[in-house]
C-alpha cells in the first residue's frame, strides 16, 4: 500500500513537533507547570499541553475521517498539573493517539467535508479534510512554540 504523501508529510511534522514538546516539558519542576508568564491572561505549560494535545487529536480525527474523540475545549484552558511525570505521561499517551491517526494509509478524499467539534464564534462545523489536516499541523506548531517560549521565560524569570 502506498502511503498518502500528505499523511506522510503530516506524520513527519507532527512527530517532530511532539518530540520538541517533550523536550520543553522534560525536567521542568512542578512549580513551573501552572506558572503563567504574563498573569491570568496567559497560558501555563499545563494548559498549553492539555489544549494542544486534545486539539491535535481532534483535528487529525477530522482529517482522516476517524470518530471524533470526546472533548471539552473550555476545560482545557482551566487545566492544571502538579506532577511533571504525569504531564509527560499524558503527552506520551496523546502523542501515540495522534501518530496512530497518521498511520500509513491511502485513499483519503481531501475535499470531503467532515464534521468538527463545535468551535467558538461562527466557524463552520463542516470543513474539508485537507483543511483539518493543515490546521492540525499549524496549530500544533504554534502552541509547541508557545510552550518552548514559556519554558525559556520560566528559566529566565529571575535573570536581570
Protein backbone atom coordinates (compact mmCIF):
# COMPACT_ATOMS: atom_id res chain seq x y z
CA UNK A 1 0.00 0.00 0.00
CA UNK A 2 1.35 3.40 -0.97
CA UNK A 3 1.16 5.96 1.80
CA UNK A 4 -0.72 9.13 1.03
CA UNK A 5 2.02 11.81 0.69
CA UNK A 6 0.00 14.31 2.75
CA UNK A 7 -0.27 11.81 5.61
CA UNK A 8 3.46 11.05 5.39
CA UNK A 9 4.35 14.75 5.48
CA UNK A 10 1.96 15.47 8.35
CA UNK A 11 3.28 12.49 10.33
CA UNK A 12 6.86 13.75 9.96
CA UNK A 13 5.96 17.28 11.14
CA UNK A 14 3.69 16.06 13.95
CA UNK A 15 6.26 13.56 15.21
CA UNK A 16 8.97 16.25 15.21
CA UNK A 17 6.66 18.72 16.98
CA UNK A 18 5.68 16.22 19.66
CA UNK A 19 9.35 15.44 20.31
CA UNK A 20 10.02 19.17 20.66
CA UNK A 21 7.13 19.49 23.09
CA UNK A 22 8.53 16.64 25.18
CA UNK A 23 11.92 18.40 25.30
CA UNK A 24 10.21 21.59 26.50
CA UNK A 25 8.47 19.70 29.31
CA UNK A 26 11.29 17.39 30.32
CA UNK A 27 12.99 18.43 33.54
CA UNK A 28 10.53 21.18 34.47
CA UNK A 29 9.82 21.35 38.21
CA UNK A 30 6.25 21.03 39.47
CA UNK A 31 6.01 24.76 40.23
CA UNK A 32 6.65 25.58 36.55
CA UNK A 33 3.65 23.62 35.28
CA UNK A 34 0.98 26.13 36.30
CA UNK A 35 3.07 29.29 36.08
CA UNK A 36 1.56 31.90 33.74
CA UNK A 37 4.28 34.16 32.34
CA UNK A 38 2.00 37.20 31.89
CA UNK A 39 -0.53 36.53 34.64
CA UNK A 40 -4.05 35.20 34.27
CA UNK A 41 -4.33 36.30 30.64
CA UNK A 42 -1.57 33.93 29.55
CA UNK A 43 -1.41 30.14 29.41
CA UNK A 44 0.62 27.82 31.59
CA UNK A 45 2.61 24.83 30.41
CA UNK A 46 -0.19 22.58 31.69
CA UNK A 47 -2.84 24.50 29.74
CA UNK A 48 -0.78 24.62 26.54
CA UNK A 49 -0.03 20.91 26.69
CA UNK A 50 -3.60 19.89 27.50
CA UNK A 51 -5.18 22.13 24.90
CA UNK A 52 -2.86 21.39 22.01
CA UNK A 53 -2.95 17.64 22.51
CA UNK A 54 -6.76 17.47 22.63
CA UNK A 55 -6.98 19.85 19.69
CA UNK A 56 -4.43 17.97 17.59
CA UNK A 57 -6.11 14.62 18.20
CA UNK A 58 -9.48 16.13 17.33
CA UNK A 59 -8.35 17.81 14.11
CA UNK A 60 -6.40 14.74 12.96
CA UNK A 61 -9.53 12.66 13.56
CA UNK A 62 -11.50 15.06 11.37
CA UNK A 63 -8.81 14.95 8.68
CA UNK A 64 -8.72 11.17 8.34
CA UNK A 65 -12.42 10.56 8.96
CA UNK A 66 -11.99 8.86 12.35
CA UNK A 67 -14.68 9.25 15.02
CA UNK A 68 -14.37 12.49 16.95
CA UNK A 69 -12.94 11.97 20.43
CA UNK A 70 -14.70 13.41 23.45
CA UNK A 71 -13.55 16.95 24.03
CA UNK A 72 -14.36 19.81 26.40
CA UNK A 73 -12.39 22.70 24.91
CA UNK A 74 -13.25 25.15 27.69
CA UNK A 75 -11.87 22.83 30.37
CA UNK A 76 -8.56 22.59 28.52
CA UNK A 77 -7.90 26.23 29.42
CA UNK A 78 -8.53 25.51 33.10
CA UNK A 79 -6.13 22.56 33.20
CA UNK A 80 -3.53 22.35 35.90
CA UNK A 81 -0.84 19.87 36.80
CA UNK A 82 1.17 19.13 39.92
CA UNK A 83 3.25 16.19 38.73
CA UNK A 84 5.73 16.63 35.87
CA UNK A 85 5.81 12.86 35.28
CA UNK A 86 2.03 12.71 34.94
CA UNK A 87 2.04 15.57 32.42
CA UNK A 88 4.74 13.80 30.40
CA UNK A 89 2.70 10.57 30.52
CA UNK A 90 -0.35 12.47 29.27
CA UNK A 91 1.74 13.92 26.43
CA UNK A 92 3.11 10.48 25.54
CA UNK A 93 -0.35 8.84 25.55
CA UNK A 94 -1.90 11.57 23.44
CA UNK A 95 1.11 11.57 21.11
CA UNK A 96 0.61 7.86 20.48
CA UNK A 97 -3.07 8.52 19.66
CA UNK A 98 -2.14 11.30 17.24
CA UNK A 99 0.54 9.27 15.47
CA UNK A 100 -1.82 6.31 15.17
CA UNK A 101 -4.27 8.57 13.35
CA UNK A 102 -1.44 9.31 10.91
CA UNK A 103 -0.56 5.67 10.32
CA UNK A 104 0.27 4.98 6.68
CA UNK A 105 -2.90 4.94 4.63
CA UNK A 106 -4.16 5.73 1.18
CA UNK A 107 -7.35 6.88 -0.42
CA UNK A 108 -8.29 9.89 1.68
CA UNK A 109 -10.59 12.28 -0.15
CA UNK A 110 -9.05 15.58 0.89
CA UNK A 111 -12.02 17.52 -0.49
CA UNK A 112 -14.57 15.57 1.59
CA UNK A 113 -16.47 17.68 4.09
CA UNK A 114 -16.17 16.44 7.64
CA UNK A 115 -17.84 17.40 10.92
CA UNK A 116 -15.76 19.11 13.59
CA UNK A 117 -16.49 19.81 17.21
CA UNK A 118 -18.44 22.99 17.80
CA UNK A 119 -15.97 25.85 17.72
CA UNK A 120 -16.05 29.41 19.04
CA UNK A 121 -17.70 32.12 17.01
CA UNK A 122 -19.31 31.40 13.70
CA UNK A 123 -16.72 28.86 12.48
CA UNK A 124 -18.30 26.21 10.25
CA UNK A 125 -18.82 22.74 11.70
CA UNK A 126 -18.15 21.12 8.31
CA UNK A 127 -14.67 21.56 6.84
CA UNK A 128 -12.71 19.85 4.05
CA UNK A 129 -10.44 17.05 5.24
CA UNK A 130 -7.45 18.96 3.81
CA UNK A 131 -8.26 21.99 5.97
CA UNK A 132 -8.44 19.79 9.07
CA UNK A 133 -5.01 18.25 8.35
CA UNK A 134 -3.31 21.58 7.67
CA UNK A 135 -4.96 23.18 10.70
CA UNK A 136 -3.92 20.29 12.98
CA UNK A 137 -0.29 20.72 11.96
CA UNK A 138 -0.14 24.53 12.06
CA UNK A 139 -1.99 24.74 15.38
CA UNK A 140 0.32 22.15 16.94
CA UNK A 141 3.42 24.03 15.72
CA UNK A 142 2.05 27.34 17.02
CA UNK A 143 1.44 26.02 20.52
CA UNK A 144 4.65 23.98 20.55
CA UNK A 145 6.45 27.29 20.03
CA UNK A 146 4.41 28.88 22.84
CA UNK A 147 5.41 26.01 25.11
CA UNK A 148 9.08 26.41 24.23
CA UNK A 149 8.91 30.15 24.85
CA UNK A 150 7.11 29.64 28.17
CA UNK A 151 9.88 27.31 29.27
CA UNK A 152 12.50 29.89 28.30
CA UNK A 153 10.64 32.57 30.22
CA UNK A 154 10.39 30.27 33.26
CA UNK A 155 14.11 29.54 33.17
CA UNK A 156 14.98 33.24 32.84
CA UNK A 157 12.28 34.74 35.10
CA UNK A 158 14.77 35.89 37.72
CA UNK A 159 17.55 36.96 35.35
CA UNK A 160 18.42 40.63 35.47
